[in-house]
Amino acid sequence: MQFPEPRQEHHWLHRLIGDWTYEHECQMGPDQPPMKSSGSQSVR
C-alpha cells in the first residue's frame, strides 16, 4: 500500500511538533477572581 504525498496542510501542522507549555487566565464572572491554569503538552 502506498500512501499519498503530504499536502500543504500537513506541512503547516509539522511546525506544531515539540514540547509546549501554556498558562491561561479567564474571568469566571464580574464578582469572581480570575481563574488561572497551566499545563504542558507533547506533540509528536
Protein backbone atom coordinates (compact mmCIF):
# COMPACT_ATOMS: atom_id res chain seq x y z
CA MET A 1 0.00 0.00 0.00
CA GLN A 2 1.37 3.40 -0.94
CA PHE A 3 0.47 6.50 1.00
CA PRO A 4 -0.25 9.78 -0.80
CA GLU A 5 2.25 12.61 -0.61
CA PRO A 6 1.78 15.07 2.29
CA ARG A 7 -0.40 18.01 1.38
CA GLN A 8 0.14 21.68 2.17
CA GLU A 9 -1.89 21.32 5.39
CA HIS A 10 0.45 18.59 6.65
CA HIS A 11 3.45 20.87 6.23
CA TRP A 12 1.67 23.56 8.25
CA LEU A 13 0.91 21.09 11.08
CA HIS A 14 4.54 19.92 11.15
CA ARG A 15 5.59 23.19 12.84
CA LEU A 16 3.50 22.26 15.91
CA ILE A 17 5.65 19.23 16.74
CA GLY A 18 7.51 19.62 20.03
CA ASP A 19 7.03 20.12 23.76
CA TRP A 20 4.77 23.01 24.72
CA THR A 21 3.78 24.72 27.98
CA TYR A 22 0.91 27.11 28.45
CA GLU A 23 -0.57 29.50 31.01
CA HIS A 24 -4.15 30.70 30.83
CA GLU A 25 -6.30 33.12 32.79
CA CYS A 26 -10.04 33.64 32.41
CA GLN A 27 -12.68 35.70 34.18
CA MET A 28 -15.44 33.47 35.57
CA GLY A 29 -17.81 36.31 36.42
CA PRO A 30 -17.92 40.01 37.30
CA ASP A 31 -17.65 39.33 41.05
CA GLN A 32 -15.23 36.38 40.84
CA PRO A 33 -11.43 36.42 40.87
CA PRO A 34 -9.67 35.32 37.69
CA MET A 35 -9.11 31.57 37.34
CA LYS A 36 -5.58 30.61 36.32
CA SER A 37 -4.42 27.32 34.85
CA SER A 38 -1.26 25.97 33.26
CA GLY A 39 -0.02 22.76 31.73
CA SER A 40 2.16 21.13 29.16
CA GLN A 41 1.71 19.07 26.02
CA SER A 42 3.97 16.92 23.93
CA VAL A 43 3.07 16.76 20.22
CA ARG A 44 4.61 14.01 18.08
